[in-house]
Amino acid sequence: MNKKRKSPLWMLVPMGVIIVVLSIVLIVITLKSGNQRTETASASHTQSGEKEEESVNAADTIQENPKETDTGPAQVYVSPDISREVKDKVKSMSLEEKAAQLFFVTPEDITQVDAATVAGEDTKKAYEQYPVGGIVYFSRNIQGSDQLKEMLSKTQSYAEEIAGVPVFLGVDEEGGEVSRVAGNKNFSVTRYESMRAIGDSKDTSRAYDMGKNLASYLKELGFNIDFAPDADVITNSGNTVIGNRSFGEDPRLVGAMASQVVKGLQDNGVSACLKHFPGHGGTVEDSHEGRAYTDKTLEEMEAEELVPFQEGIKAEPDFIMAGHISIPKSLGDDTPASLSEQVLTGLLRDKYGYDGLIITDALNMKAVSGVYSPAEASVKALLAGTDMLLMPDDFRAAYNGVLDAVEERDLSEARIDASVERILRLKMKKYP
């Protein structure tokens, strides 16, 4: 009689148990893979919840998404040399106070009067409600020396009393045709023919002297910001919006002249604002009236239009103004440069290393206001990397739009803090 062979131990385990074990192993592997994907997705958000854009090649983005109309939020660009005093001040401010510091508006925007020529209790009450970062004045606000000095002095005293920091008081005083003070016959100051006349002289010392002279009378009147110089190069003969406001058609010469004006202004106590980045001299259209285009790419602009800005940055201007210029060949759509992350953060901050204040051109210009609501334009500009919002079409709507965007987590408070830190760094250093 043959003996029965014993079966191996594994053969005694029911097949159902084996299937269950294998299933558990497969589930564990799947869950682990899912967790890795979740971790990767989480890494694409900032600590505050603001989504960061994945770094991609700009040219590839244009080809794959030709109809894309939003360049997305920039990463929060934090300045490396913010003092403890500035950081403590920002921490002590409410969100509403910080949001107000982002705006550079007309006195009428906060007071709701037709034409502000004095600063009294109404101005003080308006500033208590909206302690804006800057106020810009135009010809309608300027009557004479004594009137202007008193208005600016009182406004500044209100700001320091209410906000605890100075307010930027700005004016367009380029010299030549754009001169709010020199263009008023009640002021006995030097009047310049045009920037083009100075550029044609090829004497950069004349540009410095002009900046010095502008600063001397602007500072005496009470201004601390001059929205000058114009660093646009005329590369399109059909351009009329800039015209003889430009120093000329030679990028290097324009850069040298603009740099000297920056130094002349800032050496004498008034902050300069290099404008209109990345260059308005190649457009035909007027961005006051609608879209203004260039048919060049940013790479092509670096050979001409952007040269004066690269040179001007070396003079360390306190402000650079972003123009509403559409660059479809690089951005892939009609987004104005002033609302483009690729232009403001990718180019001006990251590539050129500029760490001063970026301010938009006036947001009530049709190139922006004809397309975006005041709130949309303001939020887009901040996400793109600007620090200050100049003259939105409706200040109150823009201001509330910024607050709403933070509440809805479309805009992080950390992004606002980074800009307010730069704003207060300049104010507390230069205008204590």
Foldseek 3Di string as FASTA:
>chain_A
DDDDDDDDPVVVDDPVVVVVVVVVVVVVVVVVVVVVVVVVVVVQADPLGAGADDDDDLQVCLVVCLPDDAQFFHDQDFDDDFDPVLVVLLVPDDLLQLLQQQAAEALCLQLVDPAAQADDPSSLVSCLNRVHQHHEDALSNDDAQVSLLRRLVVNQVSSCVRSVFGHAYEYADQAAPRHSQVVHPRDDADGHNFLLVVLVVLDLVVLLVVLQRVQVVCVVSNHQEYADDELAAQPDPLADQCPRSANYHANVSSLSSRLSSQCSNVVRRHFYEYDAPPHQNQWNDDQLAAATEHADAVVVSVVHSNSSVLSNVVSPGQEYEYEQYAYCVRNSDRGGLLLALCNQCVPVCPPSPRDHAYEYDACNRCRRVVPDALQVSLLSNLSSPHLHYYHHVRVVVNSVSVVVCCVVVNDPVSSSSSSSSNSRVCRVPRPD
